[in-house]
C-alpha atoms as a PDB file:
ATOM      1  CA  UNK A   1       0.140   0.050  -0.033  1.00  0.00           C
ATOM      2  CA  UNK A   2       1.044   3.729  -0.043  1.00  0.00           C
ATOM      3  CA  UNK A   3       2.563   3.482   3.482  1.00  0.00           C
ATOM      4  CA  UNK A   4       4.756   0.646   2.526  1.00  0.00           C
ATOM      5  CA  UNK A   5       5.932   2.316  -0.529  1.00  0.00           C
ATOM      6  CA  UNK A   6       6.760   5.366   1.525  1.00  0.00           C
ATOM      7  CA  UNK A   7       8.736   3.221   4.108  1.00  0.00           C
ATOM      8  CA  UNK A   8      10.711   1.455   1.607  1.00  0.00           C
ATOM      9  CA  UNK A   9      11.675   4.644  -0.318  1.00  0.00           C
ATOM     10  CA  UNK A  10      12.805   6.151   3.146  1.00  0.00           C
ATOM     11  CA  UNK A  11      14.762   3.119   3.837  1.00  0.00           C
ATOM     12  CA  UNK A  12      16.519   3.081   0.501  1.00  0.00           C
ATOM     13  CA  UNK A  13      17.403   6.781   1.063  1.00  0.00           C
ATOM     14  CA  UNK A  14      18.439   6.232   4.481  1.00  0.00           C
ATOM     15  CA  UNK A  15      20.864   3.521   3.606  1.00  0.00           C
ATOM     16  CA  UNK A  16      22.939   5.739   1.405  1.00  0.00           C
ATOM     17  CA  UNK A  17      21.866   4.556  -1.991  1.00  0.00           C
ATOM     18  CA  UNK A  18      21.477   7.228  -4.484  1.00  0.00           C
ATOM     19  CA  UNK A  19      18.033   6.482  -6.209  1.00  0.00           C
ATOM     20  CA  UNK A  20      14.790   4.677  -5.959  1.00  0.00           C
ATOM     21  CA  UNK A  21      12.590   3.149  -8.623  1.00  0.00           C
ATOM     22  CA  UNK A  22       8.902   2.716  -8.021  1.00  0.00           C
ATOM     23  CA  UNK A  23       7.268  -0.430  -9.288  1.00  0.00           C
ATOM     24  CA  UNK A  24       3.562   0.456  -8.734  1.00  0.00           C
ATOM     25  CA  UNK A  25       0.907  -2.435  -8.439  1.00  0.00           C
ATOM     26  CA  UNK A  26      -0.512  -1.434 -11.910  1.00  0.00           C
ATOM     27  CA  UNK A  27      -4.260  -2.317 -10.942  1.00  0.00           C
ATOM     28  CA  UNK A  28      -5.424   1.174 -10.708  1.00  0.00           C
ATOM     29  CA  UNK A  29      -4.016   4.404 -12.360  1.00  0.00           C
ATOM     30  CA  UNK A  30      -5.400   6.402  -9.485  1.00  0.00           C
ATOM     31  CA  UNK A  31      -3.540   4.309  -6.821  1.00  0.00           C
ATOM     32  CA  UNK A  32      -0.212   4.340  -8.959  1.00  0.00           C
ATOM     33  CA  UNK A  33      -0.422   8.151  -9.113  1.00  0.00           C
ATOM     34  CA  UNK A  34      -1.138   8.402  -5.405  1.00  0.00           C
ATOM     35  CA  UNK A  35       1.954   6.009  -4.702  1.00  0.00           C
ATOM     36  CA  UNK A  36       4.249   7.975  -6.920  1.00  0.00           C
ATOM     37  CA  UNK A  37       3.130  11.263  -5.302  1.00  0.00           C
ATOM     38  CA  UNK A  38       3.578   9.753  -1.777  1.00  0.00           C
ATOM     39  CA  UNK A  39       7.090   8.424  -2.692  1.00  0.00           C
ATOM     40  CA  UNK A  40       8.237  11.823  -3.764  1.00  0.00           C
ATOM     41  CA  UNK A  41       6.932  13.357  -0.546  1.00  0.00           C
ATOM     42  CA  UNK A  42       8.748  10.740   1.514  1.00  0.00           C
ATOM     43  CA  UNK A  43      12.163  11.256   0.034  1.00  0.00           C
ATOM     44  CA  UNK A  44      12.014  15.136  -0.732  1.00  0.00           C
ATOM     45  CA  UNK A  45      12.362  17.119  -3.909  1.00  0.00           C
ATOM     46  CA  UNK A  46      15.877  16.312  -4.761  1.00  0.00           C
ATOM     47  CA  UNK A  47      16.237  12.482  -4.447  1.00  0.00           C
ATOM     48  CA  UNK A  48      16.296  10.814  -7.752  1.00  0.00           C
ATOM     49  CA  UNK A  49      13.437   8.631  -8.669  1.00  0.00           C
ATOM     50  CA  UNK A  50      12.380   6.547 -11.535  1.00  0.00           C
ATOM     51  CA  UNK A  51       9.046   4.611 -12.380  1.00  0.00           C
ATOM     52  CA  UNK A  52       8.616   1.248 -13.843  1.00  0.00           C
ATOM     53  CA  UNK A  53       5.058   0.139 -14.066  1.00  0.00           C
ATOM     54  CA  UNK A  54       5.733  -3.044 -16.157  1.00  0.00           C
ATOM     55  CA  UNK A  55       3.238  -2.369 -19.016  1.00  0.00           C
ATOM     56  CA  UNK A  56      -0.214  -2.227 -17.332  1.00  0.00           C
ATOM     57  CA  UNK A  57      -1.847   0.725 -19.129  1.00  0.00           C
ATOM     58  CA  UNK A  58      -3.602   2.071 -22.149  1.00  0.00           C
ATOM     59  CA  UNK A  59      -2.011   4.864 -24.107  1.00  0.00           C
ATOM     60  CA  UNK A  60      -4.171   7.502 -22.479  1.00  0.00           C
ATOM     61  CA  UNK A  61      -3.397   6.237 -18.936  1.00  0.00           C
ATOM     62  CA  UNK A  62       0.229   6.232 -19.735  1.00  0.00           C
ATOM     63  CA  UNK A  63      -0.081   9.986 -20.842  1.00  0.00           C
ATOM     64  CA  UNK A  64      -1.798  10.683 -17.628  1.00  0.00           C
ATOM     65  CA  UNK A  65       0.828   9.041 -15.435  1.00  0.00           C
ATOM     66  CA  UNK A  66       3.542  10.593 -17.487  1.00  0.00           C
ATOM     67  CA  UNK A  67       2.366  14.131 -17.033  1.00  0.00           C
ATOM     68  CA  UNK A  68       2.111  13.547 -13.272  1.00  0.00           C
ATOM     69  CA  UNK A  69       5.597  12.133 -13.199  1.00  0.00           C
ATOM     70  CA  UNK A  70       6.797  15.249 -15.046  1.00  0.00           C
ATOM     71  CA  UNK A  71       5.354  17.427 -12.422  1.00  0.00           C
ATOM     72  CA  UNK A  72       6.877  15.277  -9.658  1.00  0.00           C
ATOM     73  CA  UNK A  73      10.350  15.548 -11.261  1.00  0.00           C
ATOM     74  CA  UNK A  74      10.805  11.752 -11.856  1.00  0.00           C
ATOM     75  CA  UNK A  75      13.844  10.889 -14.142  1.00  0.00           C
ATOM     76  CA  UNK A  76      12.139   8.393 -16.444  1.00  0.00           C
ATOM     77  CA  UNK A  77       9.086   6.510 -17.230  1.00  0.00           C
ATOM     78  CA  UNK A  78      10.122   2.861 -18.030  1.00  0.00           C
ATOM     79  CA  UNK A  79       7.801   0.242 -19.715  1.00  0.00           C
ATOM     80  CA  UNK A  80       4.477   1.946 -19.361  1.00  0.00           C
ATOM     81  CA  UNK A  81       3.143  -0.094 -22.408  1.00  0.00           C
ATOM     82  CA  UNK A  82       4.420  -3.497 -23.754  1.00  0.00           C
ATOM     83  CA  UNK A  83       7.789  -2.919 -25.489  1.00  0.00           C
ATOM     84  CA  UNK A  84       6.283  -4.563 -28.698  1.00  0.00           C
ATOM     85  CA  UNK A  85       3.737  -1.825 -28.926  1.00  0.00           C
ATOM     86  CA  UNK A  86       5.732   0.275 -31.216  1.00  0.00           C
ATOM     87  CA  UNK A  87       2.924   2.539 -32.369  1.00  0.00           C
ATOM     88  CA  UNK A  88       1.638   3.380 -29.096  1.00  0.00           C
ATOM     89  CA  UNK A  89       4.924   3.812 -27.559  1.00  0.00           C
ATOM     90  CA  UNK A  90       6.066   6.106 -30.395  1.00  0.00           C
ATOM     91  CA  UNK A  91       2.970   8.449 -29.798  1.00  0.00           C
ATOM     92  CA  UNK A  92       3.614   8.312 -26.041  1.00  0.00           C
ATOM     93  CA  UNK A  93       7.385   9.344 -26.615  1.00  0.00           C
ATOM     94  CA  UNK A  94       6.084  12.152 -28.918  1.00  0.00           C
ATOM     95  CA  UNK A  95       3.718  13.480 -26.295  1.00  0.00           C
ATOM     96  CA  UNK A  96       5.661  13.334 -23.156  1.00  0.00           C
ATOM     97  CA  UNK A  97       8.592  15.436 -21.966  1.00  0.00           C
ATOM     98  CA  UNK A  98       9.922  12.768 -19.456  1.00  0.00           C
ATOM     99  CA  UNK A  99      12.108  10.335 -21.122  1.00  0.00           C
ATOM    100  CA  UNK A 100      10.156   7.132 -22.105  1.00  0.00           C
ATOM    101  CA  UNK A 101      12.428   3.962 -21.474  1.00  0.00           C
ATOM    102  CA  UNK A 102      12.074   0.420 -23.081  1.00  0.00           C
ATOM    103  CA  UNK A 103      13.325  -2.487 -25.181  1.00  0.00           C
ATOM    104  CA  UNK A 104      14.472  -4.498 -22.148  1.00  0.00           C
ATOM    105  CA  UNK A 105      12.370  -7.485 -23.009  1.00  0.00           C
ATOM    106  CA  UNK A 106      12.579  -7.319 -27.046  1.00  0.00           C
ATOM    107  CA  UNK A 107      14.337 -10.362 -28.228  1.00  0.00           C
ATOM    108  CA  UNK A 108      17.055  -9.962 -30.888  1.00  0.00           C
ATOM    109  CA  UNK A 109      19.225  -7.166 -29.402  1.00  0.00           C
ATOM    110  CA  UNK A 110      20.524  -5.083 -30.938  1.00  0.00           C
ATOM    111  CA  UNK A 111      18.454  -5.426 -34.168  1.00  0.00           C
ATOM    112  CA  UNK A 112      15.127  -4.959 -32.589  1.00  0.00           C
ATOM    113  CA  UNK A 113      16.439  -1.885 -30.690  1.00  0.00           C
ATOM    114  CA  UNK A 114      17.751  -0.407 -33.802  1.00  0.00           C
ATOM    115  CA  UNK A 115      14.252   0.147 -35.124  1.00  0.00           C
ATOM    116  CA  UNK A 116      13.161   1.687 -31.788  1.00  0.00           C
ATOM    117  CA  UNK A 117      15.809   4.123 -31.778  1.00  0.00           C
ATOM    118  CA  UNK A 118      15.816   4.984 -35.458  1.00  0.00           C
ATOM    119  CA  UNK A 119      11.859   5.644 -35.462  1.00  0.00           C
ATOM    120  CA  UNK A 120      11.741   7.219 -32.034  1.00  0.00           C
ATOM    121  CA  UNK A 121       9.684   4.456 -30.441  1.00  0.00           C
ATOM    122  CA  UNK A 122      11.338   5.328 -27.106  1.00  0.00           C
ATOM    123  CA  UNK A 123      13.919   7.878 -25.866  1.00  0.00           C
ATOM    124  CA  UNK A 124      16.089   5.559 -24.196  1.00  0.00           C
ATOM    125  CA  UNK A 125      16.883   1.709 -23.983  1.00  0.00           C
ATOM    126  CA  UNK A 126      17.671  -0.992 -21.577  1.00  0.00           C
ATOM    127  CA  UNK A 127      19.484  -4.195 -21.769  1.00  0.00           C
ATOM    128  CA  UNK A 128      21.245  -6.797 -19.663  1.00  0.00           C
ATOM    129  CA  UNK A 129      23.431  -9.865 -20.028  1.00  0.00           C
ATOM    130  CA  UNK A 130      20.656 -12.220 -18.943  1.00  0.00           C
ATOM    131  CA  UNK A 131      18.039 -11.197 -21.587  1.00  0.00           C
ATOM    132  CA  UNK A 132      20.048  -9.346 -24.214  1.00  0.00           C
ATOM    133  CA  UNK A 133      22.615 -11.812 -25.583  1.00  0.00           C
ATOM    134  CA  UNK A 134      25.074 -11.951 -22.753  1.00  0.00           C
ATOM    135  CA  UNK A 135      27.992  -9.407 -22.376  1.00  0.00           C
ATOM    136  CA  UNK A 136      28.638  -9.033 -26.089  1.00  0.00           C
ATOM    137  CA  UNK A 137      24.942  -8.451 -27.060  1.00  0.00           C
ATOM    138  CA  UNK A 138      24.560  -6.107 -24.160  1.00  0.00           C
ATOM    139  CA  UNK A 139      27.590  -4.078 -25.374  1.00  0.00           C
ATOM    140  CA  UNK A 140      26.376  -4.061 -28.833  1.00  0.00           C
ATOM    141  CA  UNK A 141      23.150  -2.379 -27.650  1.00  0.00           C
ATOM    142  CA  UNK A 142      25.108   0.137 -25.565  1.00  0.00           C
ATOM    143  CA  UNK A 143      27.135   1.108 -28.659  1.00  0.00           C
ATOM    144  CA  UNK A 144      23.974   1.364 -30.798  1.00  0.00           C
ATOM    145  CA  UNK A 145      22.445   3.740 -28.273  1.00  0.00           C
ATOM    146  CA  UNK A 146      25.565   5.660 -28.213  1.00  0.00           C
ATOM    147  CA  UNK A 147      25.415   6.122 -32.000  1.00  0.00           C
ATOM    148  CA  UNK A 148      21.892   7.529 -31.668  1.00  0.00           C
ATOM    149  CA  UNK A 149      22.996   9.844 -28.813  1.00  0.00           C
ATOM    150  CA  UNK A 150      20.277   7.980 -26.659  1.00  0.00           C
ATOM    151  CA  UNK A 151      20.177   7.268 -22.974  1.00  0.00           C
ATOM    152  CA  UNK A 152      21.098   3.693 -22.006  1.00  0.00           C
ATOM    153  CA  UNK A 153      20.680   2.082 -18.647  1.00  0.00           C
ATOM    154  CA  UNK A 154      21.573  -1.479 -17.575  1.00  0.00           C
ATOM    155  CA  UNK A 155      18.486  -3.488 -16.452  1.00  0.00           C
ATOM    156  CA  UNK A 156      18.891  -5.444 -13.125  1.00  0.00           C
ATOM    157  CA  UNK A 157      19.702  -9.241 -13.634  1.00  0.00           C
ATOM    158  CA  UNK A 158      17.851 -10.345 -10.489  1.00  0.00           C
ATOM    159  CA  UNK A 159      20.796 -12.746  -9.517  1.00  0.00           C
ATOM    160  CA  UNK A 160      23.781 -11.315  -7.811  1.00  0.00           C
ATOM    161  CA  UNK A 161      26.445 -13.236  -9.814  1.00  0.00           C
ATOM    162  CA  UNK A 162      24.933 -11.593 -12.988  1.00  0.00           C
ATOM    163  CA  UNK A 163      24.547  -8.364 -11.044  1.00  0.00           C
ATOM    164  CA  UNK A 164      28.357  -8.432 -10.574  1.00  0.00           C
ATOM    165  CA  UNK A 165      28.615  -8.910 -14.432  1.00  0.00           C
ATOM    166  CA  UNK A 166      26.521  -5.829 -14.716  1.00  0.00           C
ATOM    167  CA  UNK A 167      28.889  -3.983 -12.321  1.00  0.00           C
ATOM    168  CA  UNK A 168      31.859  -4.740 -14.864  1.00  0.00           C
ATOM    169  CA  UNK A 169      29.682  -3.572 -17.710  1.00  0.00           C
ATOM    170  CA  UNK A 170      29.025  -0.323 -15.881  1.00  0.00           C
ATOM    171  CA  UNK A 171      32.764   0.143 -15.537  1.00  0.00           C
ATOM    172  CA  UNK A 172      33.265  -0.318 -19.179  1.00  0.00           C
ATOM    173  CA  UNK A 173      30.560   2.002 -20.577  1.00  0.00           C
ATOM    174  CA  UNK A 174      29.866   5.637 -19.708  1.00  0.00           C
ATOM    175  CA  UNK A 175      26.204   5.834 -20.387  1.00  0.00           C
ATOM    176  CA  UNK A 176      24.675   3.777 -17.616  1.00  0.00           C
ATOM    177  CA  UNK A 177      24.212   5.926 -14.473  1.00  0.00           C
ATOM    178  CA  UNK A 178      22.962   3.268 -12.159  1.00  0.00           C
ATOM    179  CA  UNK A 179      23.534  -0.264 -10.995  1.00  0.00           C
ATOM    180  CA  UNK A 180      20.045  -1.550 -10.420  1.00  0.00           C
ATOM    181  CA  UNK A 181      19.632  -4.008  -7.410  1.00  0.00           C
ATOM    182  CA  UNK A 182      16.775  -5.719  -5.703  1.00  0.00           C
ATOM    183  CA  UNK A 183      15.855  -4.174  -2.193  1.00  0.00           C
ATOM    184  CA  UNK A 184      16.484  -5.043   0.474  1.00  0.00           C
ATOM    185  CA  UNK A 185      20.005  -5.777  -0.574  1.00  0.00           C
ATOM    186  CA  UNK A 186      20.689  -8.431   2.245  1.00  0.00           C
ATOM    187  CA  UNK A 187      17.823 -10.548   1.253  1.00  0.00           C
ATOM    188  CA  UNK A 188      18.957 -10.892  -2.246  1.00  0.00           C
ATOM    189  CA  UNK A 189      22.719 -11.152  -1.665  1.00  0.00           C
ATOM    190  CA  UNK A 190      23.170 -14.593  -2.435  1.00  0.00           C
ATOM    191  CA  UNK A 191      25.215 -16.751  -5.003  1.00  0.00           C
ATOM    192  CA  UNK A 192      28.581 -15.098  -4.181  1.00  0.00           C
ATOM    193  CA  UNK A 193      30.839 -15.678  -1.428  1.00  0.00           C
ATOM    194  CA  UNK A 194      30.647 -11.912  -0.506  1.00  0.00           C
ATOM    195  CA  UNK A 195      28.133  -9.193  -1.178  1.00  0.00           C
ATOM    196  CA  UNK A 196      28.720  -6.660  -3.816  1.00  0.00           C
ATOM    197  CA  UNK A 197      31.033  -3.980  -2.767  1.00  0.00           C
ATOM    198  CA  UNK A 198      28.917  -0.963  -2.020  1.00  0.00           C
ATOM    199  CA  UNK A 199      29.712   1.946   0.301  1.00  0.00           C
ATOM    200  CA  UNK A 200      28.347   5.393   0.516  1.00  0.00           C
ATOM    201  CA  UNK A 201      25.698   4.317  -2.145  1.00  0.00           C
ATOM    202  CA  UNK A 202      28.552   3.652  -4.609  1.00  0.00           C
ATOM    203  CA  UNK A 203      29.060   0.151  -6.154  1.00  0.00           C
ATOM    204  CA  UNK A 204      32.846  -0.290  -6.396  1.00  0.00           C
ATOM    205  CA  UNK A 205      34.784  -2.886  -8.633  1.00  0.00           C
ATOM    206  CA  UNK A 206      36.149  -5.820  -6.777  1.00  0.00           C
ATOM    207  CA  UNK A 207      39.843  -6.372  -7.160  1.00  0.00           C
ATOM    208  CA  UNK A 208      39.928 -10.246  -7.027  1.00  0.00           C
ATOM    209  CA  UNK A 209      40.747 -12.412 -10.061  1.00  0.00           C
ATOM    210  CA  UNK A 210      37.943 -12.969 -12.833  1.00  0.00           C
ATOM    211  CA  UNK A 211      34.875 -11.149 -12.031  1.00  0.00           C
ATOM    212  CA  UNK A 212      36.317 -10.363  -8.552  1.00  0.00           C
ATOM    213  CA  UNK A 213      34.175 -12.258  -6.210  1.00  0.00           C
ATOM    214  CA  UNK A 214      33.984 -16.157  -6.455  1.00  0.00           C
ATOM    215  CA  UNK A 215      30.663 -18.057  -6.711  1.00  0.00           C
ATOM    216  CA  UNK A 216      29.180 -19.531  -3.551  1.00  0.00           C
ATOM    217  CA  UNK A 217      29.874 -23.096  -4.416  1.00  0.00           C
ATOM    218  CA  UNK A 218      28.472 -24.591  -1.058  1.00  0.00           C
ATOM    219  CA  UNK A 219      25.085 -22.814  -1.924  1.00  0.00           C
ATOM    220  CA  UNK A 220      25.036 -24.163  -5.399  1.00  0.00           C
ATOM    221  CA  UNK A 221      25.825 -27.713  -4.220  1.00  0.00           C
ATOM    222  CA  UNK A 222      23.304 -27.626  -1.443  1.00  0.00           C
ATOM    223  CA  UNK A 223      20.481 -26.358  -3.833  1.00  0.00           C
ATOM    224  CA  UNK A 224      21.142 -28.651  -6.729  1.00  0.00           C
ATOM    225  CA  UNK A 225      18.978 -31.568  -7.295  1.00  0.00           C
ATOM    226  CA  UNK A 226      19.922 -34.638  -9.258  1.00  0.00           C
ATOM    227  CA  UNK A 227      17.001 -35.686 -11.251  1.00  0.00           C
ATOM    228  CA  UNK A 228      17.053 -39.725 -11.888  1.00  0.00           C
END
């Protein structure tokens, strides 16, 4: 509910992290707008906020939400409509001033993304190594966005060993401003022998061999089933 969103946003800010993304329930536009307003109130006027409704709206509803997010100073509106809805997204992008971000679930990166950028389906694009063809496919999408002078942000991979890959990708490119992680961090910090190195709200590159932090082999063995 609204109070839970406000509490979580305050906890994220209080932990020292530098931004918070709202994933509203998507059942009612009025409720979603109320949540976005309440989160802005909870963290103050200057804390970076984003919105990712995960495609629940009609075009008209997305316009109404986008106008409200512009007034509230959100950084971007992500996936308000299905990524495949090129025509509706193109019209939404034309109407709104807030950047409309998409493409994370499209297959065939970077070729499908090229059409989105060339015909202005979205203002900015997303990719990650779990959905977008691994490290190589993700980097191809990054370079494509750079060629169009379009914003690019890495999408959370949900799983910390792959979030570690995302951290290295962030170190290799200049366009992605955030390392997106699930909250609360400690609940999702599994799969590695140590948590991702984050201090003062900044994720820092580990200095160990390979990706920098070994996989938690005990956890993998304990949670692997042999099917006979």
